[in-house]
Amino acid sequence: MEFDLIVRGGTVVTADATFAADVAVQDGKIAAVLPHSPIPDLKSKAVLDASGCYVLPGAIDAHVHLHMPTSVGYTADDWETGTRAAALGGTTCIVDFVETEPGESLIDALHKRLEEARAAVIDFGLHMTVQPDEHVIAGVPRRVSERRIREMRAAYEAGCATFKLYMAYPGFQIGDGDLLRALRTVAELNALACIHAENGDVIEVLRRSVQDQPELAIHHARTRPPVSEREAVSRAVVCAELSGARVLIFHLGCEAAARVVAEAKAAGNQRVFGETCPHYLALTEDYLARADGRLWVCAPPLRPQADQEAMWHMLASRALDIVSTDHCPFTKAQKDAGKTDFRAAPGGVPGIETRLGLMYECGVRQGRLTLNDWVRVCCTRPAELHALPHKGRIAVGCDADLVVFDPTIRKSLTADKLHSALDWSAYSDMTCAGWPRDVIARGELIVRDQKWVGRPGRGRFLQRAF
C-alpha cells in the first residue's frame, strides 16, 4: 500500500520506551511503526525527515480557559488564537470548560460553547462545570439544585465525561454537601470529577483582613496559604472515598496539598489523581513580590522554591499524574485592574504554547524527568485520565497526532516569539533548548518549521466517555 505520510529517521519517544523508528500515516491514523530502513522500501505520498529529532505523540492540555467571560472581559485568547498557539507548541488536543449563565441548563450551555469553539484548529473536549444555581433555591447560598444534578447525566451522554467542581470562588464555590451529591452522580456515571480544592471561606476572610499595602501582590500568596489548600484537598479526598467517585485534583503547587494525594495513592486509593502546572514547576512566589507581581496572580498561588522541587519529585515518582497549563490569559491592561489592590487582579497565568518546551528544558535537560516521564505527563497520562483513547500514544490505530521535537532549536519565551494574543509572557526571562519543529494532527501537517500551515476551523469536538 501507499501511505499518506511517513515520518522517517527520528527517535520515537513514548511513555514506556525510546527507539529508532519510522511512523507511517494513513487516513489520519497511525498505520505502522517500523524500524529504520537504509533503503526506503515503503511507498508514501509524502515523507517528513525527522533525523536528529524526537518523534512524540501530540501533547494534550486538559485544562485551558479560552474565550472565558470574567469581570475584566473575556480571556485574551479566543478559540482560534489559543488553539493555534497550542499547536505551535506541540499540543494537538485541549480540554476546555462549559459554564452556565443563571437559569441556563447544562445542555444549553454546552451547545452555546460548541458554537464558540467552531474556530478551533485542533481537536478539543469540554469539561462540564457544576455551579450553584441560587436562582432555583432562593436564599440558600451556594446550593446545587436537584435539577442541576439530574442534568449531569445528559451532559455526560452529550460527550462531557468530566465535571469541574469548585471549593472556592464566590459564584462557583459549592459546599461539602453539594460536593458529595455531585460526586455520587459522577460515580454513578463512571465519570471523572476535576476539583479546584481550596478552602474558599477561609480565603475570603483572609483577603478581607488585608489592610496595609494592598497593591502588593505577594498578599495573594499569604491569603491563600498552603494549610488551607491542604485542608480542602483532604476534604475532597474524603468525599471521593465516601462517594466512590474518581477525582482529579487540579493545579497542585504546594507540597502540603500534593502530599494528601500522594498519601491517598500510597494507601491504595486508585481513584484519586493529581495535576500540576508549568508555572508551579518553573516559577516561584518571588514573581508575586515584583512591582508587576499582579501579572502572576493565579489560584492556587505560586509557592516557594521548596514546593517547586517537591512537585518535580512527585511527578517523577508518579504521585502526581499530569501537567496541564491552566492557561487563563489576561493582557497587561486587564491585569492592571489589580494595580492598587491585588484582590481586583484577574487570576490566571498563560502557558498554552510553552508547556512542552518548558517541561523538556526544566524537566528532561535538568535531570528531573526522563524522556519517557516527559511524554507520560504531557501526552499519554492526560489521554488516559480524560477519556481520549485515540490520543496521546504512538500506536497503530491511534490518531496520527505527532510532534517532531528538535533538541537543537533554541526558543526565547518572550511575547514577540510566541503566538498567543497576549502582550506579555510569564516566562519572558527563559529560553528553551529544544522546541517542536513540525506538528501533525490527524495526519495533517499543521506546523512546518515552526510556522503555522494548517487550515482554519479544522478542530473537532471529541465526545468522550469512560
Protein backbone atom coordinates (compact mmCIF):
# COMPACT_ATOMS: atom_id res chain seq x y z
CA MET A 1 0.00 0.00 0.00
CA GLU A 2 0.99 3.60 -0.40
CA PHE A 3 0.89 5.61 2.82
CA ASP A 4 -0.19 9.24 3.00
CA LEU A 5 2.87 10.22 5.03
CA ILE A 6 5.95 8.69 6.59
CA VAL A 7 7.83 10.43 9.40
CA ARG A 8 11.26 8.99 8.76
CA GLY A 9 14.54 8.81 10.63
CA GLY A 10 13.55 10.09 14.06
CA THR A 11 13.77 8.72 17.58
CA VAL A 12 10.30 7.76 18.76
CA VAL A 13 9.63 8.57 22.41
CA THR A 14 6.62 7.09 24.19
CA ALA A 15 5.66 6.90 27.86
CA ASP A 16 7.35 3.48 28.03
CA ALA A 17 10.17 3.34 25.50
CA THR A 18 12.63 5.26 23.32
CA PHE A 19 13.63 3.72 19.99
CA ALA A 20 14.56 4.50 16.40
CA ALA A 21 11.57 4.07 14.09
CA ASP A 22 9.62 5.41 11.16
CA VAL A 23 5.96 6.24 11.66
CA ALA A 24 3.57 5.69 8.75
CA VAL A 25 0.27 7.55 8.49
CA GLN A 26 -2.83 6.60 6.52
CA ASP A 27 -6.30 8.21 6.59
CA GLY A 28 -5.46 10.31 9.65
CA LYS A 29 -4.38 7.29 11.72
CA ILE A 30 -1.06 5.72 12.61
CA ALA A 31 -0.81 2.80 10.20
CA ALA A 32 2.60 1.38 11.13
CA VAL A 33 5.62 1.91 13.38
CA LEU A 34 8.60 0.36 11.62
CA PRO A 35 12.37 0.04 12.08
CA HIS A 36 14.50 2.46 10.10
CA SER A 37 15.36 1.12 6.68
CA PRO A 38 18.64 2.19 4.99
CA ILE A 39 16.90 1.86 1.64
CA PRO A 40 13.41 3.36 1.59
CA ASP A 41 11.18 0.44 0.63
CA LEU A 42 7.84 1.95 1.60
CA LYS A 43 5.73 3.97 -0.78
CA SER A 44 4.37 7.24 0.51
CA LYS A 45 2.80 10.38 -0.92
CA ALA A 46 4.93 12.48 1.44
CA VAL A 47 7.98 11.98 3.66
CA LEU A 48 8.91 14.12 6.64
CA ASP A 49 12.56 13.83 7.63
CA ALA A 50 12.89 13.68 11.43
CA SER A 51 16.59 12.85 11.57
CA GLY A 52 18.18 14.13 14.78
CA CYS A 53 14.76 14.78 16.32
CA TYR A 54 12.40 13.13 18.75
CA VAL A 55 9.02 11.97 17.46
CA LEU A 56 6.37 12.24 20.18
CA PRO A 57 2.62 11.76 20.38
CA GLY A 58 0.81 15.08 20.18
CA ALA A 59 0.62 16.68 23.62
CA ILE A 60 -2.72 17.02 25.43
CA ASP A 61 -3.52 20.05 27.57
CA ALA A 62 -6.61 19.15 29.56
CA HIS A 63 -7.02 22.43 31.44
CA VAL A 64 -7.39 25.68 29.48
CA HIS A 65 -9.69 28.71 29.56
CA LEU A 66 -10.30 30.17 26.09
CA HIS A 67 -12.79 33.00 25.48
CA MET A 68 -13.93 32.86 29.10
CA PRO A 69 -16.06 35.75 30.40
CA THR A 70 -14.69 37.47 33.52
CA SER A 71 -15.10 40.74 35.42
CA VAL A 72 -12.42 42.32 33.19
CA GLY A 73 -13.75 40.96 29.91
CA TYR A 74 -13.05 37.75 28.05
CA THR A 75 -9.73 35.98 28.44
CA ALA A 76 -7.34 37.26 25.79
CA ASP A 77 -7.14 34.12 23.66
CA ASP A 78 -10.19 33.05 21.70
CA TRP A 79 -10.63 29.58 20.23
CA GLU A 80 -8.63 30.42 17.11
CA THR A 81 -5.63 32.19 18.65
CA GLY A 82 -5.47 29.86 21.63
CA THR A 83 -5.60 26.59 19.71
CA ARG A 84 -3.15 27.85 17.08
CA ALA A 85 -0.67 28.82 19.82
CA ALA A 86 -1.20 25.39 21.39
CA ALA A 87 -0.39 23.68 18.09
CA LEU A 88 2.76 25.73 17.58
CA GLY A 89 3.87 24.49 21.00
CA GLY A 90 3.24 20.83 20.19
CA THR A 91 -0.24 20.43 21.68
CA THR A 92 -2.74 18.73 19.37
CA CYS A 93 -5.70 18.38 21.75
CA ILE A 94 -7.11 20.51 24.58
CA VAL A 95 -9.96 20.23 27.06
CA ASP A 96 -11.72 23.50 27.94
CA PHE A 97 -14.82 24.22 30.07
CA VAL A 98 -18.54 24.84 29.85
CA GLU A 99 -20.03 27.26 32.40
CA THR A 100 -23.68 28.20 32.80
CA GLU A 101 -25.49 31.51 32.94
CA PRO A 102 -28.27 31.95 35.54
CA GLY A 103 -31.24 29.85 34.53
CA GLU A 104 -29.37 28.07 31.75
CA SER A 105 -29.32 24.28 31.55
CA LEU A 106 -26.07 22.36 31.19
CA ILE A 107 -27.06 21.18 27.71
CA ASP A 108 -27.95 24.69 26.52
CA ALA A 109 -24.64 25.96 27.84
CA LEU A 110 -22.84 23.13 26.03
CA HIS A 111 -24.47 23.96 22.71
CA LYS A 112 -23.53 27.62 23.08
CA ARG A 113 -19.94 26.71 23.89
CA LEU A 114 -19.72 24.43 20.87
CA GLU A 115 -20.76 27.31 18.61
CA GLU A 116 -17.95 29.44 20.05
CA ALA A 117 -15.47 26.61 19.51
CA ARG A 118 -16.08 26.31 15.77
CA ALA A 119 -12.88 28.30 15.19
CA ALA A 120 -10.69 25.70 16.95
CA VAL A 121 -7.82 24.43 14.82
CA ILE A 122 -7.06 21.35 16.93
CA ASP A 123 -9.33 18.72 18.48
CA PHE A 124 -10.94 19.53 21.81
CA GLY A 125 -13.07 18.16 24.60
CA LEU A 126 -15.11 20.01 27.21
CA HIS A 127 -15.38 19.69 30.98
CA MET A 128 -18.86 20.49 32.32
CA THR A 129 -18.76 22.89 35.28
CA VAL A 130 -21.31 22.18 38.00
CA GLN A 131 -22.06 25.57 39.59
CA PRO A 132 -24.51 26.71 42.24
CA ASP A 133 -27.86 27.72 40.77
CA GLU A 134 -29.07 30.04 43.52
CA HIS A 135 -31.93 31.30 41.37
CA VAL A 136 -33.51 27.85 41.75
CA ILE A 137 -33.28 27.66 45.55
CA ALA A 138 -33.52 31.28 46.61
CA GLY A 139 -31.95 32.37 49.85
CA VAL A 140 -29.76 29.29 50.30
CA PRO A 141 -26.18 30.22 49.35
CA ARG A 142 -24.07 28.01 47.12
CA ARG A 143 -26.75 25.37 46.60
CA VAL A 144 -26.77 23.00 43.67
CA SER A 145 -30.34 22.02 42.85
CA GLU A 146 -31.61 18.51 42.19
CA ARG A 147 -32.39 19.64 38.66
CA ARG A 148 -28.74 20.54 38.13
CA ILE A 149 -27.60 17.17 39.49
CA ARG A 150 -30.01 15.38 37.15
CA GLU A 151 -28.69 17.37 34.19
CA MET A 152 -25.23 15.88 34.73
CA ARG A 153 -26.36 12.64 33.12
CA ALA A 154 -27.48 14.44 29.96
CA ALA A 155 -24.17 16.29 29.83
CA TYR A 156 -22.27 13.01 30.11
CA GLU A 157 -24.33 11.46 27.34
CA ALA A 158 -23.58 14.51 25.18
CA GLY A 159 -19.84 13.86 25.47
CA CYS A 160 -18.73 15.69 28.62
CA ALA A 161 -17.11 12.85 30.55
CA THR A 162 -15.51 15.14 33.13
CA PHE A 163 -17.10 17.56 35.60
CA LYS A 164 -15.49 20.62 37.18
CA LEU A 165 -16.30 21.30 40.84
CA TYR A 166 -15.11 24.37 42.76
CA MET A 167 -14.43 24.53 46.50
CA ALA A 168 -13.53 28.23 46.21
CA TYR A 169 -14.50 31.41 44.31
CA PRO A 170 -17.77 33.23 45.05
CA GLY A 171 -20.36 32.26 42.46
CA PHE A 172 -18.65 28.95 41.74
CA GLN A 173 -17.97 27.50 45.19
CA ILE A 174 -20.18 24.69 46.38
CA GLY A 175 -20.47 23.38 49.92
CA ASP A 176 -19.40 19.97 51.15
CA GLY A 177 -22.90 18.51 50.98
CA ASP A 178 -23.33 19.51 47.36
CA LEU A 179 -19.81 18.32 46.60
CA LEU A 180 -20.74 14.89 47.92
CA ARG A 181 -24.03 14.87 45.99
CA ALA A 182 -22.29 15.78 42.76
CA LEU A 183 -19.57 13.18 43.34
CA ARG A 184 -22.17 10.48 43.87
CA THR A 185 -23.53 11.27 40.42
CA VAL A 186 -20.00 11.27 39.00
CA ALA A 187 -19.56 7.79 40.47
CA GLU A 188 -22.87 6.57 39.03
CA LEU A 189 -21.84 7.78 35.58
CA ASN A 190 -18.30 6.38 35.94
CA ALA A 191 -17.15 9.87 35.03
CA LEU A 192 -14.25 11.93 36.44
CA ALA A 193 -14.53 14.95 38.74
CA CYS A 194 -11.92 17.69 38.36
CA ILE A 195 -11.75 19.67 41.60
CA HIS A 196 -10.45 23.13 42.40
CA ALA A 197 -9.55 22.41 46.03
CA GLU A 198 -9.04 25.49 48.20
CA ASN A 199 -10.93 26.50 51.34
CA GLY A 200 -12.93 29.34 49.85
CA ASP A 201 -14.49 30.51 53.12
CA VAL A 202 -11.13 30.82 54.86
CA ILE A 203 -9.62 32.58 51.86
CA GLU A 204 -12.36 35.22 51.78
CA VAL A 205 -11.82 36.03 55.48
CA LEU A 206 -8.06 36.32 54.96
CA ARG A 207 -8.48 38.50 51.87
CA ARG A 208 -10.80 40.89 53.68
CA SER A 209 -8.30 41.22 56.51
CA VAL A 210 -5.57 42.80 54.35
CA GLN A 211 -5.26 46.46 55.36
CA ASP A 212 -1.69 47.52 54.59
CA GLN A 213 -0.26 47.91 51.08
CA PRO A 214 -2.98 46.08 49.15
CA GLU A 215 -1.11 46.88 45.94
CA LEU A 216 1.46 44.20 46.83
CA ALA A 217 0.59 41.00 45.01
CA ILE A 218 2.57 38.92 47.50
CA HIS A 219 -0.52 39.22 49.73
CA HIS A 220 -2.22 36.94 47.22
CA ALA A 221 0.03 34.07 48.36
CA ARG A 222 -0.31 35.00 52.03
CA THR A 223 -4.12 34.92 51.90
CA ARG A 224 -4.19 31.52 50.19
CA PRO A 225 -1.79 29.61 52.49
CA PRO A 226 -0.74 26.02 51.89
CA VAL A 227 -2.56 24.82 55.01
CA SER A 228 -5.93 25.94 53.64
CA GLU A 229 -5.22 24.21 50.33
CA ARG A 230 -4.14 21.05 52.14
CA GLU A 231 -7.34 21.08 54.19
CA ALA A 232 -9.52 21.42 51.09
CA VAL A 233 -7.72 18.61 49.27
CA SER A 234 -8.25 16.43 52.33
CA ARG A 235 -11.99 17.15 52.27
CA ALA A 236 -12.12 16.41 48.56
CA VAL A 237 -10.39 13.06 49.06
CA VAL A 238 -12.78 12.17 51.89
CA CYS A 239 -15.80 12.99 49.72
CA ALA A 240 -14.29 10.92 46.91
CA GLU A 241 -13.93 7.95 49.26
CA LEU A 242 -17.50 8.35 50.56
CA SER A 243 -18.96 8.59 47.05
CA GLY A 244 -16.73 6.14 45.21
CA ALA A 245 -16.03 8.78 42.55
CA ARG A 246 -12.80 9.20 40.66
CA VAL A 247 -11.34 12.66 41.29
CA LEU A 248 -8.51 14.66 39.77
CA ILE A 249 -7.24 17.47 41.99
CA PHE A 250 -6.43 20.35 39.68
CA HIS A 251 -3.36 22.65 39.76
CA LEU A 252 -1.44 21.39 42.78
CA GLY A 253 1.53 23.63 43.53
CA CYS A 254 2.41 23.13 47.19
CA GLU A 255 3.87 20.08 48.88
CA ALA A 256 1.36 20.10 51.74
CA ALA A 257 -1.61 19.72 49.41
CA ALA A 258 0.05 17.37 46.94
CA ARG A 259 1.15 15.16 49.82
CA VAL A 260 -2.51 14.38 50.56
CA VAL A 261 -2.89 12.95 47.05
CA ALA A 262 0.41 11.07 47.34
CA GLU A 263 -0.62 9.56 50.67
CA ALA A 264 -4.02 8.51 49.33
CA LYS A 265 -2.30 6.71 46.45
CA ALA A 266 0.23 5.09 48.79
CA ALA A 267 -2.65 3.82 50.92
CA GLY A 268 -4.08 2.06 47.88
CA ASN A 269 -6.65 4.60 46.70
CA GLN A 270 -6.78 4.06 42.94
CA ARG A 271 -9.40 6.75 42.30
CA VAL A 272 -7.53 9.92 43.32
CA PHE A 273 -5.24 11.69 40.84
CA GLY A 274 -3.17 14.86 40.81
CA GLU A 275 -2.37 17.58 38.27
CA THR A 276 0.27 20.29 38.46
CA CYS A 277 1.12 23.12 36.05
CA PRO A 278 4.25 24.57 34.43
CA HIS A 279 4.07 27.78 36.46
CA TYR A 280 4.47 25.81 39.67
CA LEU A 281 7.41 23.95 38.13
CA ALA A 282 9.27 26.91 36.58
CA LEU A 283 8.28 29.95 38.71
CA THR A 284 8.16 30.76 42.43
CA GLU A 285 6.31 33.26 44.61
CA ASP A 286 9.23 35.67 44.10
CA TYR A 287 7.39 36.81 40.97
CA LEU A 288 4.48 37.98 43.14
CA ALA A 289 6.90 40.16 45.11
CA ARG A 290 7.77 42.18 41.98
CA ALA A 291 6.29 45.58 41.31
CA ASP A 292 4.31 43.98 38.48
CA GLY A 293 3.54 40.87 40.52
CA ARG A 294 -0.17 41.13 39.68
CA LEU A 295 0.70 39.57 36.30
CA TRP A 296 1.42 36.28 38.08
CA VAL A 297 -1.70 36.23 40.27
CA CYS A 298 -3.31 32.81 39.90
CA ALA A 299 -5.05 30.36 42.19
CA PRO A 300 -3.65 28.50 43.94
CA PRO A 301 -0.76 30.98 44.07
CA LEU A 302 2.88 30.48 43.17
CA ARG A 303 4.82 28.91 46.03
CA PRO A 304 8.42 28.92 47.38
CA GLN A 305 11.28 27.02 45.77
CA ALA A 306 10.97 24.07 48.17
CA ASP A 307 7.44 23.41 46.98
CA GLN A 308 8.58 23.55 43.37
CA GLU A 309 11.19 20.87 43.97
CA ALA A 310 8.58 18.72 45.71
CA MET A 311 6.31 18.95 42.65
CA TRP A 312 9.11 17.70 40.40
CA HIS A 313 9.82 14.80 42.73
CA MET A 314 6.14 13.82 42.87
CA LEU A 315 5.84 13.94 39.08
CA ALA A 316 8.84 11.67 38.64
CA SER A 317 7.57 9.23 41.30
CA ARG A 318 4.04 9.22 39.78
CA ALA A 319 2.46 10.61 42.94
CA LEU A 320 1.21 13.32 40.55
CA ASP A 321 -0.14 12.25 37.19
CA ILE A 322 -0.16 15.04 34.64
CA VAL A 323 0.96 18.54 33.74
CA SER A 324 -1.66 20.90 32.30
CA THR A 325 -1.32 24.65 31.80
CA ASP A 326 -4.50 26.12 33.34
CA HIS A 327 -3.96 28.64 30.53
CA CYS A 328 -6.01 31.66 31.60
CA PRO A 329 -4.61 34.60 29.63
CA PHE A 330 -5.17 38.24 30.54
CA THR A 331 -3.48 41.25 28.93
CA LYS A 332 -1.42 43.70 30.96
CA ALA A 333 -4.34 46.14 30.84
CA GLN A 334 -6.70 43.51 32.22
CA LYS A 335 -4.23 42.59 34.97
CA ASP A 336 -3.90 46.29 35.83
CA ALA A 337 -7.31 46.07 37.45
CA GLY A 338 -5.25 44.89 40.42
CA LYS A 339 -2.66 47.66 40.26
CA THR A 340 -3.75 49.27 43.54
CA ASP A 341 -5.37 46.20 45.11
CA PHE A 342 -4.24 42.66 44.38
CA ARG A 343 -7.76 41.39 45.04
CA ALA A 344 -9.02 43.01 41.83
CA ALA A 345 -6.44 41.36 39.58
CA PRO A 346 -7.96 38.59 37.44
CA GLY A 347 -6.40 35.25 38.28
CA GLY A 348 -4.55 33.27 35.67
CA VAL A 349 -1.16 32.59 34.09
CA PRO A 350 -0.70 31.88 30.36
CA GLY A 351 1.16 28.86 29.03
CA ILE A 352 -0.73 27.04 26.27
CA GLU A 353 2.24 27.25 23.86
CA THR A 354 5.16 26.85 26.25
CA ARG A 355 4.33 23.69 28.24
CA LEU A 356 6.07 21.01 26.15
CA GLY A 357 9.24 23.06 25.68
CA LEU A 358 9.40 24.11 29.33
CA MET A 359 8.92 20.56 30.55
CA TYR A 360 11.78 19.43 28.32
CA GLU A 361 14.04 22.29 29.39
CA CYS A 362 13.29 22.29 33.13
CA GLY A 363 12.48 18.60 33.42
CA VAL A 364 14.47 16.47 30.97
CA ARG A 365 17.51 18.70 30.42
CA GLN A 366 17.87 19.44 34.11
CA GLY A 367 17.63 15.77 35.04
CA ARG A 368 14.31 15.88 36.88
CA LEU A 369 12.41 13.75 34.35
CA THR A 370 13.34 11.11 31.81
CA LEU A 371 12.25 11.45 28.19
CA ASN A 372 9.56 8.86 28.89
CA ASP A 373 8.35 10.72 32.00
CA TRP A 374 8.04 13.83 29.82
CA VAL A 375 5.79 12.07 27.34
CA ARG A 376 3.85 10.36 30.09
CA VAL A 377 2.86 13.55 31.94
CA CYS A 378 2.27 15.71 28.84
CA CYS A 379 0.74 13.23 26.40
CA THR A 380 -0.17 9.71 27.46
CA ARG A 381 -1.46 10.05 31.01
CA PRO A 382 -3.71 13.03 30.13
CA ALA A 383 -5.31 10.89 27.39
CA GLU A 384 -5.91 8.07 29.86
CA LEU A 385 -7.38 10.25 32.59
CA HIS A 386 -9.61 12.32 30.30
CA ALA A 387 -11.15 9.55 28.18
CA LEU A 388 -9.19 10.19 24.98
CA PRO A 389 -8.34 6.63 23.90
CA HIS A 390 -7.15 7.56 20.40
CA LYS A 391 -4.83 10.33 21.58
CA GLY A 392 -1.53 10.53 23.44
CA ARG A 393 0.15 7.40 22.06
CA ILE A 394 2.17 6.30 19.06
CA ALA A 395 0.47 3.03 18.26
CA VAL A 396 -1.30 1.54 15.26
CA GLY A 397 -4.90 2.74 15.11
CA CYS A 398 -4.38 5.89 17.18
CA ASP A 399 -4.94 9.32 15.69
CA ALA A 400 -1.87 10.45 13.79
CA ASP A 401 -1.10 13.31 16.18
CA LEU A 402 2.69 13.62 16.11
CA VAL A 403 5.31 16.15 17.14
CA VAL A 404 8.78 16.34 15.62
CA PHE A 405 10.73 17.88 18.51
CA ASP A 406 14.12 19.30 17.59
CA PRO A 407 16.52 19.47 20.57
CA THR A 408 18.80 21.87 18.69
CA ILE A 409 16.25 24.70 18.40
CA ARG A 410 16.73 27.49 20.92
CA LYS A 411 13.47 29.29 21.72
CA SER A 412 13.23 32.53 23.66
CA LEU A 413 9.92 32.70 25.54
CA THR A 414 9.32 36.42 25.10
CA ALA A 415 5.88 37.55 23.96
CA ASP A 416 7.11 38.53 20.49
CA LYS A 417 8.36 34.97 19.89
CA LEU A 418 5.08 33.34 20.94
CA HIS A 419 1.68 33.26 19.25
CA SER A 420 -0.90 33.91 21.97
CA ALA A 421 -2.92 37.12 21.75
CA LEU A 422 -1.13 38.36 24.87
CA ASP A 423 1.21 41.33 25.14
CA TRP A 424 3.41 39.67 27.78
CA SER A 425 4.86 36.26 28.64
CA ALA A 426 5.00 34.67 32.08
CA TYR A 427 8.36 33.13 31.10
CA SER A 428 9.99 36.04 29.27
CA ASP A 429 13.32 35.63 31.06
CA MET A 430 13.65 31.98 29.99
CA THR A 431 14.98 30.18 26.91
CA CYS A 432 14.24 26.58 25.94
CA ALA A 433 16.93 24.45 24.29
CA GLY A 434 14.58 22.21 22.30
CA TRP A 435 11.26 23.03 20.66
CA PRO A 436 8.60 21.48 18.38
CA ARG A 437 9.67 21.86 14.75
CA ASP A 438 6.76 20.14 12.99
CA VAL A 439 3.31 19.14 14.20
CA ILE A 440 0.89 16.67 12.61
CA ALA A 441 -2.75 16.45 13.73
CA ARG A 442 -4.94 13.61 12.48
CA GLY A 443 -2.46 13.08 9.66
CA GLU A 444 -2.38 16.75 8.56
CA LEU A 445 0.82 18.74 8.75
CA ILE A 446 -0.30 21.87 10.62
CA VAL A 447 3.07 23.25 11.77
CA ARG A 448 6.12 23.14 9.48
CA ASP A 449 9.49 24.53 10.56
CA GLN A 450 7.80 26.34 13.47
CA LYS A 451 5.27 28.05 11.17
CA TRP A 452 1.52 27.55 11.12
CA VAL A 453 0.40 25.87 7.87
CA GLY A 454 -2.90 24.37 8.98
CA ARG A 455 -6.48 25.04 7.95
CA PRO A 456 -8.80 27.32 9.94
CA GLY A 457 -11.55 25.66 11.94
CA ARG A 458 -10.20 22.13 11.45
CA GLY A 459 -10.60 21.10 15.10
CA ARG A 460 -13.24 18.56 16.11
CA PHE A 461 -15.26 18.23 19.29
CA LEU A 462 -14.40 14.92 20.93
CA GLN A 463 -17.38 13.31 22.63
CA ARG A 464 -15.80 11.44 25.48
CA ALA A 465 -16.99 8.56 27.66
CA PHE A 466 -15.29 6.15 30.03
